[in-house]
Amino acid sequence: MLTLASKLKRDEGGKAGHAPSGPSDSSHRVSIRDRLLIKEVAELEANLPSTCKLNFPDVNKLHSFQLAVSPDEGYYQSGKFHFEIDVPEAYNMVPPKVKCLTRIWHPNITETGEICLSLLREHSIDGTGWAPTRTLKDVVWGLNSLFTDLLNFDDPLNIDAAEHHLRDKEDFRNKVQDFIKNYAR
């Protein structure tokens, strides 16, 4: 996992005592984002919720990974929901871009994968939006909590799902289970 960290150490060790070698030297620099991600991914892996699993398709690209959330309680228990997380070059000044890859019936996630989670907003009215002090750990824990503590029917992104829950909680539960059976296994 820490292939990028090893590269950083090699690059820094190779530069010690050497003058910059011109234009090609810049191609070996590691971005601030990547330096932050090395630290944050290590911390995240050590503090991952038991219901979450990370997948890095390319261990040299810590800025692009997937998260699987398998809730162990509530409406979404027994489902496995996949998220794609892309960390932009301007990170940590801007939040990661997150999309739900699993089709889901959820008041805060649309069927096309858009997510309503305040900490993913660059500018938030309630003051709980993205801030440079936030980390990937906050993002992962927030996504995990969308299935429990942060499940919000009062401020929905998927209005149909929220209204369905208000009309008939049992039918809502049945529809969630149908979605899990068809899309989240």
C-alpha atoms as a PDB file:
ATOM      1  CA  MET A   1       0.000   0.000   0.000  1.00  0.00           C
ATOM      2  CA  LEU A   2       2.753   2.418   0.818  1.00  0.00           C
ATOM      3  CA  THR A   3       4.448   2.134  -2.565  1.00  0.00           C
ATOM      4  CA  LEU A   4       4.071   5.879  -3.010  1.00  0.00           C
ATOM      5  CA  ALA A   5       5.654   6.440   0.419  1.00  0.00           C
ATOM      6  CA  SER A   6       8.635   4.334  -0.615  1.00  0.00           C
ATOM      7  CA  LYS A   7       8.974   6.387  -3.789  1.00  0.00           C
ATOM      8  CA  LEU A   8       8.924   9.585  -1.732  1.00  0.00           C
ATOM      9  CA  LYS A   9      11.739   8.336   0.489  1.00  0.00           C
ATOM     10  CA  ARG A  10      13.812   7.240  -2.516  1.00  0.00           C
ATOM     11  CA  ASP A  11      13.284  10.579  -4.245  1.00  0.00           C
ATOM     12  CA  GLU A  12      14.158  12.588  -1.144  1.00  0.00           C
ATOM     13  CA  GLY A  13      17.148  10.365  -0.361  1.00  0.00           C
ATOM     14  CA  GLY A  14      18.421  10.742  -3.929  1.00  0.00           C
ATOM     15  CA  LYS A  15      18.154  14.530  -3.764  1.00  0.00           C
ATOM     16  CA  ALA A  16      20.022  14.902  -0.475  1.00  0.00           C
ATOM     17  CA  GLY A  17      23.263  16.757  -1.134  1.00  0.00           C
ATOM     18  CA  HIS A  18      22.519  17.224  -4.860  1.00  0.00           C
ATOM     19  CA  ALA A  19      21.786  20.465  -6.601  1.00  0.00           C
ATOM     20  CA  PRO A  20      18.573  20.548  -8.658  1.00  0.00           C
ATOM     21  CA  SER A  21      19.254  18.911 -11.985  1.00  0.00           C
ATOM     22  CA  GLY A  22      17.099  21.223 -14.100  1.00  0.00           C
ATOM     23  CA  PRO A  23      13.695  20.715 -15.701  1.00  0.00           C
ATOM     24  CA  SER A  24      13.591  16.939 -15.275  1.00  0.00           C
ATOM     25  CA  ASP A  25      13.790  17.386 -11.477  1.00  0.00           C
ATOM     26  CA  SER A  26      10.185  18.682 -11.370  1.00  0.00           C
ATOM     27  CA  SER A  27       8.859  15.461 -12.895  1.00  0.00           C
ATOM     28  CA  HIS A  28       9.987  13.596  -9.763  1.00  0.00           C
ATOM     29  CA  ARG A  29       8.224  15.871  -7.284  1.00  0.00           C
ATOM     30  CA  VAL A  30       5.327  14.481  -5.325  1.00  0.00           C
ATOM     31  CA  SER A  31       2.305  16.743  -4.919  1.00  0.00           C
ATOM     32  CA  ILE A  32       1.076  18.039  -1.587  1.00  0.00           C
ATOM     33  CA  ARG A  33      -2.084  15.996  -2.122  1.00  0.00           C
ATOM     34  CA  ASP A  34      -0.081  12.792  -2.494  1.00  0.00           C
ATOM     35  CA  ARG A  35       2.015  13.570   0.581  1.00  0.00           C
ATOM     36  CA  LEU A  36      -1.178  14.100   2.611  1.00  0.00           C
ATOM     37  CA  LEU A  37      -2.738  10.923   1.223  1.00  0.00           C
ATOM     38  CA  ILE A  38       0.210   8.743   2.259  1.00  0.00           C
ATOM     39  CA  LYS A  39      -0.284   9.821   5.866  1.00  0.00           C
ATOM     40  CA  GLU A  40      -4.100   9.807   5.760  1.00  0.00           C
ATOM     41  CA  VAL A  41      -4.454   6.400   4.090  1.00  0.00           C
ATOM     42  CA  ALA A  42      -2.173   4.796   6.674  1.00  0.00           C
ATOM     43  CA  GLU A  43      -4.221   6.386   9.484  1.00  0.00           C
ATOM     44  CA  LEU A  44      -7.486   5.436   7.795  1.00  0.00           C
ATOM     45  CA  GLU A  45      -6.491   1.793   7.364  1.00  0.00           C
ATOM     46  CA  ALA A  46      -5.612   1.652  11.077  1.00  0.00           C
ATOM     47  CA  ASN A  47      -8.999   3.175  12.079  1.00  0.00           C
ATOM     48  CA  LEU A  48     -11.422   1.768   9.506  1.00  0.00           C
ATOM     49  CA  PRO A  49     -14.946   0.968  10.739  1.00  0.00           C
ATOM     50  CA  SER A  50     -15.579  -2.779  10.887  1.00  0.00           C
ATOM     51  CA  THR A  51     -18.344  -2.357   8.289  1.00  0.00           C
ATOM     52  CA  CYS A  52     -15.996  -0.800   5.703  1.00  0.00           C
ATOM     53  CA  LYS A  53     -13.370  -2.094   3.321  1.00  0.00           C
ATOM     54  CA  LEU A  54     -11.013  -0.086   1.101  1.00  0.00           C
ATOM     55  CA  ASN A  55      -9.833  -1.131  -2.354  1.00  0.00           C
ATOM     56  CA  PHE A  56      -7.012   0.589  -4.223  1.00  0.00           C
ATOM     57  CA  PRO A  57      -7.089  -0.653  -7.839  1.00  0.00           C
ATOM     58  CA  ASP A  58      -3.650   0.957  -8.379  1.00  0.00           C
ATOM     59  CA  VAL A  59      -1.496   1.194  -5.239  1.00  0.00           C
ATOM     60  CA  ASN A  60       0.480   4.015  -6.876  1.00  0.00           C
ATOM     61  CA  LYS A  61      -2.665   6.159  -7.117  1.00  0.00           C
ATOM     62  CA  LEU A  62      -3.860   6.732  -3.583  1.00  0.00           C
ATOM     63  CA  HIS A  63      -6.085   9.533  -4.881  1.00  0.00           C
ATOM     64  CA  SER A  64      -8.469   7.111  -6.585  1.00  0.00           C
ATOM     65  CA  PHE A  65      -9.987   4.262  -4.601  1.00  0.00           C
ATOM     66  CA  GLN A  66     -13.175   2.435  -3.726  1.00  0.00           C
ATOM     67  CA  LEU A  67     -14.970   1.926  -0.445  1.00  0.00           C
ATOM     68  CA  ALA A  68     -17.390  -0.892   0.330  1.00  0.00           C
ATOM     69  CA  VAL A  69     -19.834  -0.364   3.203  1.00  0.00           C
ATOM     70  CA  SER A  70     -21.715  -3.370   4.614  1.00  0.00           C
ATOM     71  CA  PRO A  71     -24.077  -2.057   7.321  1.00  0.00           C
ATOM     72  CA  ASP A  72     -24.628  -4.432  10.227  1.00  0.00           C
ATOM     73  CA  GLU A  73     -27.854  -2.794  11.449  1.00  0.00           C
ATOM     74  CA  GLY A  74     -30.872  -0.818  10.269  1.00  0.00           C
ATOM     75  CA  TYR A  75     -32.719  -0.744   6.950  1.00  0.00           C
ATOM     76  CA  TYR A  76     -29.584  -1.459   4.891  1.00  0.00           C
ATOM     77  CA  GLN A  77     -28.283  -4.406   6.907  1.00  0.00           C
ATOM     78  CA  SER A  78     -27.057  -7.266   4.678  1.00  0.00           C
ATOM     79  CA  GLY A  79     -26.341  -4.951   1.735  1.00  0.00           C
ATOM     80  CA  LYS A  80     -22.920  -4.133   0.317  1.00  0.00           C
ATOM     81  CA  PHE A  81     -22.652  -0.625  -1.090  1.00  0.00           C
ATOM     82  CA  HIS A  82     -19.733   0.520  -3.210  1.00  0.00           C
ATOM     83  CA  PHE A  83     -18.462   4.083  -3.428  1.00  0.00           C
ATOM     84  CA  GLU A  84     -15.893   5.570  -5.760  1.00  0.00           C
ATOM     85  CA  ILE A  85     -13.698   8.222  -4.163  1.00  0.00           C
ATOM     86  CA  ASP A  86     -11.528  10.556  -6.203  1.00  0.00           C
ATOM     87  CA  VAL A  87      -9.300  13.041  -4.416  1.00  0.00           C
ATOM     88  CA  PRO A  88      -8.671  16.134  -6.585  1.00  0.00           C
ATOM     89  CA  GLU A  89      -5.262  17.758  -6.919  1.00  0.00           C
ATOM     90  CA  ALA A  90      -6.495  20.750  -4.848  1.00  0.00           C
ATOM     91  CA  TYR A  91      -7.148  18.470  -1.821  1.00  0.00           C
ATOM     92  CA  ASN A  92      -7.290  19.375   1.156  1.00  0.00           C
ATOM     93  CA  MET A  93      -8.662  22.758   0.203  1.00  0.00           C
ATOM     94  CA  VAL A  94     -11.529  21.016  -1.633  1.00  0.00           C
ATOM     95  CA  PRO A  95     -13.347  17.807  -0.657  1.00  0.00           C
ATOM     96  CA  PRO A  96     -12.983  14.461  -2.387  1.00  0.00           C
ATOM     97  CA  LYS A  97     -15.508  13.630  -5.105  1.00  0.00           C
ATOM     98  CA  VAL A  98     -17.643  10.658  -4.073  1.00  0.00           C
ATOM     99  CA  LYS A  99     -20.170   8.644  -6.040  1.00  0.00           C
ATOM    100  CA  CYS A 100     -22.235   5.646  -4.963  1.00  0.00           C
ATOM    101  CA  LEU A 101     -21.757   2.887  -7.544  1.00  0.00           C
ATOM    102  CA  THR A 102     -24.493   0.657  -6.119  1.00  0.00           C
ATOM    103  CA  ARG A 103     -28.100   1.344  -7.010  1.00  0.00           C
ATOM    104  CA  ILE A 104     -29.886   2.145  -3.765  1.00  0.00           C
ATOM    105  CA  TRP A 105     -33.216   3.387  -2.368  1.00  0.00           C
ATOM    106  CA  HIS A 106     -32.017   5.950   0.157  1.00  0.00           C
ATOM    107  CA  PRO A 107     -33.197   9.467   1.084  1.00  0.00           C
ATOM    108  CA  ASN A 108     -29.648  10.881   0.952  1.00  0.00           C
ATOM    109  CA  ILE A 109     -28.350   9.032  -2.128  1.00  0.00           C
ATOM    110  CA  THR A 110     -29.950   9.197  -5.550  1.00  0.00           C
ATOM    111  CA  GLU A 111     -30.372   6.135  -7.736  1.00  0.00           C
ATOM    112  CA  THR A 112     -27.686   7.616  -9.996  1.00  0.00           C
ATOM    113  CA  GLY A 113     -25.161   7.783  -7.139  1.00  0.00           C
ATOM    114  CA  GLU A 114     -25.192  11.430  -6.061  1.00  0.00           C
ATOM    115  CA  ILE A 115     -24.687  11.820  -2.318  1.00  0.00           C
ATOM    116  CA  CYS A 116     -26.022  14.362   0.162  1.00  0.00           C
ATOM    117  CA  LEU A 117     -23.476  14.518   2.955  1.00  0.00           C
ATOM    118  CA  SER A 118     -22.649  17.982   4.258  1.00  0.00           C
ATOM    119  CA  LEU A 119     -18.945  17.338   4.778  1.00  0.00           C
ATOM    120  CA  LEU A 120     -18.618  16.665   1.031  1.00  0.00           C
ATOM    121  CA  ARG A 121     -19.878  20.183   0.262  1.00  0.00           C
ATOM    122  CA  GLU A 122     -17.304  22.856  -0.333  1.00  0.00           C
ATOM    123  CA  HIS A 123     -19.635  25.507   1.055  1.00  0.00           C
ATOM    124  CA  SER A 124     -22.232  24.527   3.619  1.00  0.00           C
ATOM    125  CA  ILE A 125     -24.782  26.828   5.226  1.00  0.00           C
ATOM    126  CA  ASP A 126     -24.755  24.923   8.516  1.00  0.00           C
ATOM    127  CA  GLY A 127     -20.974  25.126   8.928  1.00  0.00           C
ATOM    128  CA  THR A 128     -20.521  21.356   8.742  1.00  0.00           C
ATOM    129  CA  GLY A 129     -19.182  21.366   5.184  1.00  0.00           C
ATOM    130  CA  TRP A 130     -15.673  20.666   4.007  1.00  0.00           C
ATOM    131  CA  ALA A 131     -12.766  22.336   5.793  1.00  0.00           C
ATOM    132  CA  PRO A 132      -9.012  21.810   5.282  1.00  0.00           C
ATOM    133  CA  THR A 133      -8.899  20.230   8.747  1.00  0.00           C
ATOM    134  CA  ARG A 134     -11.054  17.314   7.572  1.00  0.00           C
ATOM    135  CA  THR A 135      -9.486  14.073   6.375  1.00  0.00           C
ATOM    136  CA  LEU A 136     -10.355  10.936   4.425  1.00  0.00           C
ATOM    137  CA  LYS A 137     -11.200   9.325   7.758  1.00  0.00           C
ATOM    138  CA  ASP A 138     -14.020  11.867   8.177  1.00  0.00           C
ATOM    139  CA  VAL A 139     -15.294  11.073   4.676  1.00  0.00           C
ATOM    140  CA  VAL A 140     -15.284   7.294   5.199  1.00  0.00           C
ATOM    141  CA  TRP A 141     -16.901   7.515   8.638  1.00  0.00           C
ATOM    142  CA  GLY A 142     -19.486   9.934   7.214  1.00  0.00           C
ATOM    143  CA  LEU A 143     -20.366   7.585   4.346  1.00  0.00           C
ATOM    144  CA  ASN A 144     -20.610   4.688   6.784  1.00  0.00           C
ATOM    145  CA  SER A 145     -22.924   6.759   9.012  1.00  0.00           C
ATOM    146  CA  LEU A 146     -25.309   7.471   6.126  1.00  0.00           C
ATOM    147  CA  PHE A 147     -26.686   4.009   6.840  1.00  0.00           C
ATOM    148  CA  THR A 148     -27.223   4.632  10.563  1.00  0.00           C
ATOM    149  CA  ASP A 149     -26.765   7.925  12.503  1.00  0.00           C
ATOM    150  CA  LEU A 150     -26.767  10.290   9.508  1.00  0.00           C
ATOM    151  CA  LEU A 151     -29.715   8.704   7.683  1.00  0.00           C
ATOM    152  CA  ASN A 152     -31.795  11.861   7.208  1.00  0.00           C
ATOM    153  CA  PHE A 153     -35.402  11.805   6.024  1.00  0.00           C
ATOM    154  CA  ASP A 154     -35.957  15.501   6.867  1.00  0.00           C
ATOM    155  CA  ASP A 155     -33.467  16.960   4.357  1.00  0.00           C
ATOM    156  CA  PRO A 156     -33.463  14.444   1.496  1.00  0.00           C
ATOM    157  CA  LEU A 157     -31.713  14.431  -1.848  1.00  0.00           C
ATOM    158  CA  ASN A 158     -33.967  11.594  -3.013  1.00  0.00           C
ATOM    159  CA  ILE A 159     -37.330  13.136  -2.141  1.00  0.00           C
ATOM    160  CA  ASP A 160     -39.282  10.106  -3.394  1.00  0.00           C
ATOM    161  CA  ALA A 161     -37.463   7.792  -0.967  1.00  0.00           C
ATOM    162  CA  ALA A 162     -38.032  10.167   1.961  1.00  0.00           C
ATOM    163  CA  GLU A 163     -41.741  10.578   1.161  1.00  0.00           C
ATOM    164  CA  HIS A 164     -42.071   6.814   0.728  1.00  0.00           C
ATOM    165  CA  HIS A 165     -40.671   6.355   4.255  1.00  0.00           C
ATOM    166  CA  LEU A 166     -43.121   8.911   5.662  1.00  0.00           C
ATOM    167  CA  ARG A 167     -46.101   7.245   3.938  1.00  0.00           C
ATOM    168  CA  ASP A 168     -45.320   3.620   4.760  1.00  0.00           C
ATOM    169  CA  LYS A 169     -42.257   2.571   6.733  1.00  0.00           C
ATOM    170  CA  GLU A 170     -42.849  -1.139   6.187  1.00  0.00           C
ATOM    171  CA  ASP A 171     -43.208  -0.752   2.413  1.00  0.00           C
ATOM    172  CA  PHE A 172     -40.085   1.447   2.441  1.00  0.00           C
ATOM    173  CA  ARG A 173     -38.185  -1.351   4.239  1.00  0.00           C
ATOM    174  CA  ASN A 174     -39.443  -3.858   1.648  1.00  0.00           C
ATOM    175  CA  LYS A 175     -38.298  -1.667  -1.248  1.00  0.00           C
ATOM    176  CA  VAL A 176     -34.865  -1.200   0.367  1.00  0.00           C
ATOM    177  CA  GLN A 177     -34.583  -4.981   0.716  1.00  0.00           C
ATOM    178  CA  ASP A 178     -35.593  -5.454  -2.946  1.00  0.00           C
ATOM    179  CA  PHE A 179     -32.836  -3.031  -3.978  1.00  0.00           C
ATOM    180  CA  ILE A 180     -30.342  -4.902  -1.776  1.00  0.00           C
ATOM    181  CA  LYS A 181     -31.361  -8.248  -3.253  1.00  0.00           C
ATOM    182  CA  ASN A 182     -31.093  -6.933  -6.830  1.00  0.00           C
ATOM    183  CA  TYR A 183     -28.117  -4.561  -6.641  1.00  0.00           C
ATOM    184  CA  ALA A 184     -26.206  -4.755  -3.349  1.00  0.00           C
ATOM    185  CA  ARG A 185     -24.976  -8.310  -2.934  1.00  0.00           C
END
